[in-house]
Amino acid sequence: MIRVKTYESRPRILSDKITFWDVILIASILVLSTAMILKAKFDINWQSPKVATAAIYQSGNLNQLLKLEQDREIVLLGGKMIVEIKDKKIRVKKSDCPRQVCVHAGWISHPGEAVICVPYKTVIEIGAAGKPALDAVVF
C-alpha cells in the first residue's frame, strides 16, 4: 500500500513495506562490517613475528632494553613500579602513581604498542626486530 502525503507543495511517497533489495542491502552491510572487524581482530599478518624486545624509557632516556623471551619481573624507581614480562608480553604490574592508568593499560605484545606512566615519566614500548608491516591499527 502506497500513501501519498503532501508537505507544502511537493507530494511525498511513503512505503510501509521493506523490499527484497532492502533486505539484501542490509544483510550485505552487516556481513561486510562483521568480516572487517573479525579480520582486524584475528589477522596476525600485520604483526612482526620477530618481536623480541621492549624498551623502557624514563624522562626521555633509554633506561633498559629487555628481551621478552624470559618471564620475569623488573623493579623500577626504587620499588614504585613493577614491570612483568610473561609469555612474550609485558605490562606494568604495580605502580604507586595516583590514577593507575599504566596498570590498567594491561598487556602489550605488538610492535609499536606502548604503556605510558605520566607521573613517573616512564614509557614502555614494544620494538620489532624487522620493519613492521603496518605502522598503526585503529579500531
C-alpha atoms as a PDB file:
ATOM      1  CA  MET A   1       0.000   0.000   0.000  1.00  0.00           C
ATOM      2  CA  ILE A   2       1.414   3.339  -1.045  1.00  0.00           C
ATOM      3  CA  ARG A   3       0.289   6.531   0.593  1.00  0.00           C
ATOM      4  CA  VAL A   4       0.871   9.983  -0.705  1.00  0.00           C
ATOM      5  CA  LYS A   5       1.269  12.862   1.742  1.00  0.00           C
ATOM      6  CA  THR A   6       1.815  16.397   0.710  1.00  0.00           C
ATOM      7  CA  TYR A   7       4.133  18.702   2.543  1.00  0.00           C
ATOM      8  CA  GLU A   8       3.992  22.236   1.304  1.00  0.00           C
ATOM      9  CA  SER A   9       3.629  21.926  -2.466  1.00  0.00           C
ATOM     10  CA  ARG A  10       5.614  18.708  -3.181  1.00  0.00           C
ATOM     11  CA  PRO A  11       3.983  15.276  -2.929  1.00  0.00           C
ATOM     12  CA  ARG A  12       5.929  12.673  -0.953  1.00  0.00           C
ATOM     13  CA  ILE A  13       5.542   8.914  -1.391  1.00  0.00           C
ATOM     14  CA  LEU A  14       5.859   6.729   1.730  1.00  0.00           C
ATOM     15  CA  SER A  15       6.139   2.963   1.584  1.00  0.00           C
ATOM     16  CA  ASP A  16       5.493   0.752   4.604  1.00  0.00           C
ATOM     17  CA  LYS A  17       6.996  -2.363   3.031  1.00  0.00           C
ATOM     18  CA  ILE A  18      10.593  -3.485   3.028  1.00  0.00           C
ATOM     19  CA  THR A  19      11.520  -4.825  -0.371  1.00  0.00           C
ATOM     20  CA  PHE A  20      13.735  -7.767  -1.216  1.00  0.00           C
ATOM     21  CA  TRP A  21      16.530  -5.392  -2.234  1.00  0.00           C
ATOM     22  CA  ASP A  22      16.365  -3.590   1.116  1.00  0.00           C
ATOM     23  CA  VAL A  23      16.967  -6.894   2.888  1.00  0.00           C
ATOM     24  CA  ILE A  24      19.872  -7.733   0.549  1.00  0.00           C
ATOM     25  CA  LEU A  25      21.452  -4.303   1.175  1.00  0.00           C
ATOM     26  CA  ILE A  26      21.135  -4.532   4.971  1.00  0.00           C
ATOM     27  CA  ALA A  27      22.451  -8.100   5.053  1.00  0.00           C
ATOM     28  CA  SER A  28      25.446  -7.267   2.866  1.00  0.00           C
ATOM     29  CA  ILE A  29      26.365  -4.263   5.027  1.00  0.00           C
ATOM     30  CA  LEU A  30      26.176  -6.411   8.168  1.00  0.00           C
ATOM     31  CA  VAL A  31      28.242  -9.209   6.637  1.00  0.00           C
ATOM     32  CA  LEU A  32      30.926  -6.867   5.306  1.00  0.00           C
ATOM     33  CA  SER A  33      31.255  -4.900   8.549  1.00  0.00           C
ATOM     34  CA  THR A  34      31.432  -8.093  10.626  1.00  0.00           C
ATOM     35  CA  ALA A  35      34.053  -9.543   8.295  1.00  0.00           C
ATOM     36  CA  MET A  36      36.176  -6.394   8.529  1.00  0.00           C
ATOM     37  CA  ILE A  37      36.035  -6.387  12.336  1.00  0.00           C
ATOM     38  CA  LEU A  38      36.905 -10.089  12.575  1.00  0.00           C
ATOM     39  CA  LYS A  39      39.752  -9.732  10.087  1.00  0.00           C
ATOM     40  CA  ALA A  40      41.240  -6.849  12.051  1.00  0.00           C
ATOM     41  CA  LYS A  41      40.826  -8.707  15.340  1.00  0.00           C
ATOM     42  CA  PHE A  42      42.211 -12.095  14.330  1.00  0.00           C
ATOM     43  CA  ASP A  43      44.549 -11.306  11.453  1.00  0.00           C
ATOM     44  CA  ILE A  44      48.104 -11.857  12.647  1.00  0.00           C
ATOM     45  CA  ASN A  45      49.801 -10.961   9.367  1.00  0.00           C
ATOM     46  CA  TRP A  46      50.262  -7.338  10.411  1.00  0.00           C
ATOM     47  CA  GLN A  47      52.414  -8.350  13.367  1.00  0.00           C
ATOM     48  CA  SER A  48      56.104  -8.862  13.129  1.00  0.00           C
ATOM     49  CA  PRO A  49      56.851 -12.484  14.056  1.00  0.00           C
ATOM     50  CA  LYS A  50      60.241 -11.489  15.472  1.00  0.00           C
ATOM     51  CA  VAL A  51      59.044  -9.310  18.349  1.00  0.00           C
ATOM     52  CA  ALA A  52      61.723  -9.814  20.933  1.00  0.00           C
ATOM     53  CA  THR A  53      62.428  -6.547  22.727  1.00  0.00           C
ATOM     54  CA  ALA A  54      60.812  -3.918  24.887  1.00  0.00           C
ATOM     55  CA  ALA A  55      62.407  -0.580  25.675  1.00  0.00           C
ATOM     56  CA  ILE A  56      61.850   1.238  28.955  1.00  0.00           C
ATOM     57  CA  TYR A  57      62.352   4.985  28.788  1.00  0.00           C
ATOM     58  CA  GLN A  58      62.419   7.222  31.859  1.00  0.00           C
ATOM     59  CA  SER A  59      62.390  11.001  31.450  1.00  0.00           C
ATOM     60  CA  GLY A  60      63.036  10.558  27.731  1.00  0.00           C
ATOM     61  CA  ASN A  61      66.203   8.491  28.184  1.00  0.00           C
ATOM     62  CA  LEU A  62      66.542   4.784  27.425  1.00  0.00           C
ATOM     63  CA  ASN A  63      66.748   3.033  30.790  1.00  0.00           C
ATOM     64  CA  GLN A  64      66.584  -0.644  29.799  1.00  0.00           C
ATOM     65  CA  LEU A  65      66.262  -2.780  26.691  1.00  0.00           C
ATOM     66  CA  LEU A  66      64.590  -6.072  27.610  1.00  0.00           C
ATOM     67  CA  LYS A  67      64.205  -9.373  25.788  1.00  0.00           C
ATOM     68  CA  LEU A  68      60.669 -10.730  26.066  1.00  0.00           C
ATOM     69  CA  GLU A  69      61.653 -14.402  25.855  1.00  0.00           C
ATOM     70  CA  GLN A  70      62.267 -14.932  29.580  1.00  0.00           C
ATOM     71  CA  ASP A  71      59.467 -14.496  32.154  1.00  0.00           C
ATOM     72  CA  ARG A  72      60.487 -12.135  34.978  1.00  0.00           C
ATOM     73  CA  GLU A  73      59.661  -9.022  36.986  1.00  0.00           C
ATOM     74  CA  ILE A  74      61.656  -5.780  36.896  1.00  0.00           C
ATOM     75  CA  VAL A  75      61.582  -3.271  39.741  1.00  0.00           C
ATOM     76  CA  LEU A  76      61.810   0.370  38.652  1.00  0.00           C
ATOM     77  CA  LEU A  77      62.111   3.663  40.520  1.00  0.00           C
ATOM     78  CA  GLY A  78      63.178   2.080  43.780  1.00  0.00           C
ATOM     79  CA  GLY A  79      60.108  -0.160  44.032  1.00  0.00           C
ATOM     80  CA  LYS A  80      57.496   2.415  42.969  1.00  0.00           C
ATOM     81  CA  MET A  81      56.808   0.478  39.750  1.00  0.00           C
ATOM     82  CA  ILE A  82      56.970  -3.253  38.959  1.00  0.00           C
ATOM     83  CA  VAL A  83      57.022  -4.386  35.315  1.00  0.00           C
ATOM     84  CA  GLU A  84      56.148  -8.017  34.485  1.00  0.00           C
ATOM     85  CA  ILE A  85      57.205 -10.000  31.414  1.00  0.00           C
ATOM     86  CA  LYS A  86      55.302 -13.211  30.716  1.00  0.00           C
ATOM     87  CA  ASP A  87      54.598 -15.219  27.530  1.00  0.00           C
ATOM     88  CA  LYS A  88      56.354 -12.618  25.315  1.00  0.00           C
ATOM     89  CA  LYS A  89      54.062  -9.872  26.651  1.00  0.00           C
ATOM     90  CA  ILE A  90      54.807  -7.027  29.040  1.00  0.00           C
ATOM     91  CA  ARG A  91      52.730  -4.941  31.466  1.00  0.00           C
ATOM     92  CA  VAL A  92      53.004  -2.655  34.470  1.00  0.00           C
ATOM     93  CA  LYS A  93      52.030  -4.975  37.309  1.00  0.00           C
ATOM     94  CA  LYS A  94      52.147  -2.406  40.132  1.00  0.00           C
ATOM     95  CA  SER A  95      52.662   1.324  40.333  1.00  0.00           C
ATOM     96  CA  ASP A  96      52.287   3.915  43.088  1.00  0.00           C
ATOM     97  CA  CYS A  97      51.016   6.586  40.678  1.00  0.00           C
ATOM     98  CA  PRO A  98      47.648   8.163  41.577  1.00  0.00           C
ATOM     99  CA  ARG A  99      45.320   7.080  38.735  1.00  0.00           C
ATOM    100  CA  GLN A 100      46.897   3.730  37.822  1.00  0.00           C
ATOM    101  CA  VAL A 101      46.430   4.343  34.074  1.00  0.00           C
ATOM    102  CA  CYS A 102      49.619   2.436  33.283  1.00  0.00           C
ATOM    103  CA  VAL A 103      48.451  -0.568  35.316  1.00  0.00           C
ATOM    104  CA  HIS A 104      45.018  -0.567  33.673  1.00  0.00           C
ATOM    105  CA  ALA A 105      46.593  -0.471  30.189  1.00  0.00           C
ATOM    106  CA  GLY A 106      47.232  -4.204  30.584  1.00  0.00           C
ATOM    107  CA  TRP A 107      49.443  -6.456  28.496  1.00  0.00           C
ATOM    108  CA  ILE A 108      51.115  -5.258  25.304  1.00  0.00           C
ATOM    109  CA  SER A 109      52.787  -7.539  22.782  1.00  0.00           C
ATOM    110  CA  HIS A 110      52.643  -5.970  19.297  1.00  0.00           C
ATOM    111  CA  PRO A 111      55.315  -3.709  17.767  1.00  0.00           C
ATOM    112  CA  GLY A 112      54.565  -0.059  18.315  1.00  0.00           C
ATOM    113  CA  GLU A 113      52.342  -0.567  21.360  1.00  0.00           C
ATOM    114  CA  ALA A 114      53.293   1.371  24.459  1.00  0.00           C
ATOM    115  CA  VAL A 115      52.349   1.841  28.103  1.00  0.00           C
ATOM    116  CA  ILE A 116      52.868   5.351  29.411  1.00  0.00           C
ATOM    117  CA  CYS A 117      53.034   6.468  33.046  1.00  0.00           C
ATOM    118  CA  VAL A 118      52.924  10.262  33.055  1.00  0.00           C
ATOM    119  CA  PRO A 119      53.548  10.901  36.789  1.00  0.00           C
ATOM    120  CA  TYR A 120      56.782   8.883  36.711  1.00  0.00           C
ATOM    121  CA  LYS A 121      57.675   9.932  33.134  1.00  0.00           C
ATOM    122  CA  THR A 122      58.049   6.293  32.100  1.00  0.00           C
ATOM    123  CA  VAL A 123      57.315   4.738  28.695  1.00  0.00           C
ATOM    124  CA  ILE A 124      57.422   1.014  27.935  1.00  0.00           C
ATOM    125  CA  GLU A 125      57.423   0.358  24.194  1.00  0.00           C
ATOM    126  CA  ILE A 126      57.499  -2.866  22.192  1.00  0.00           C
ATOM    127  CA  GLY A 127      60.050  -2.925  19.406  1.00  0.00           C
ATOM    128  CA  ALA A 128      60.246  -5.116  16.316  1.00  0.00           C
ATOM    129  CA  ALA A 129      63.325  -6.899  15.059  1.00  0.00           C
ATOM    130  CA  GLY A 130      62.407  -6.062  11.467  1.00  0.00           C
ATOM    131  CA  LYS A 131      60.271  -3.455   9.801  1.00  0.00           C
ATOM    132  CA  PRO A 132      56.604  -3.950  10.824  1.00  0.00           C
ATOM    133  CA  ALA A 133      54.080  -4.407   8.029  1.00  0.00           C
ATOM    134  CA  LEU A 134      51.752  -1.689   9.385  1.00  0.00           C
ATOM    135  CA  ASP A 135      52.532   1.365  11.460  1.00  0.00           C
ATOM    136  CA  ALA A 136      49.093   1.767  13.065  1.00  0.00           C
ATOM    137  CA  VAL A 137      45.780  -0.036  13.520  1.00  0.00           C
ATOM    138  CA  VAL A 138      42.629   1.812  14.582  1.00  0.00           C
ATOM    139  CA  PHE A 139      39.563   0.096  15.998  1.00  0.00           C
END
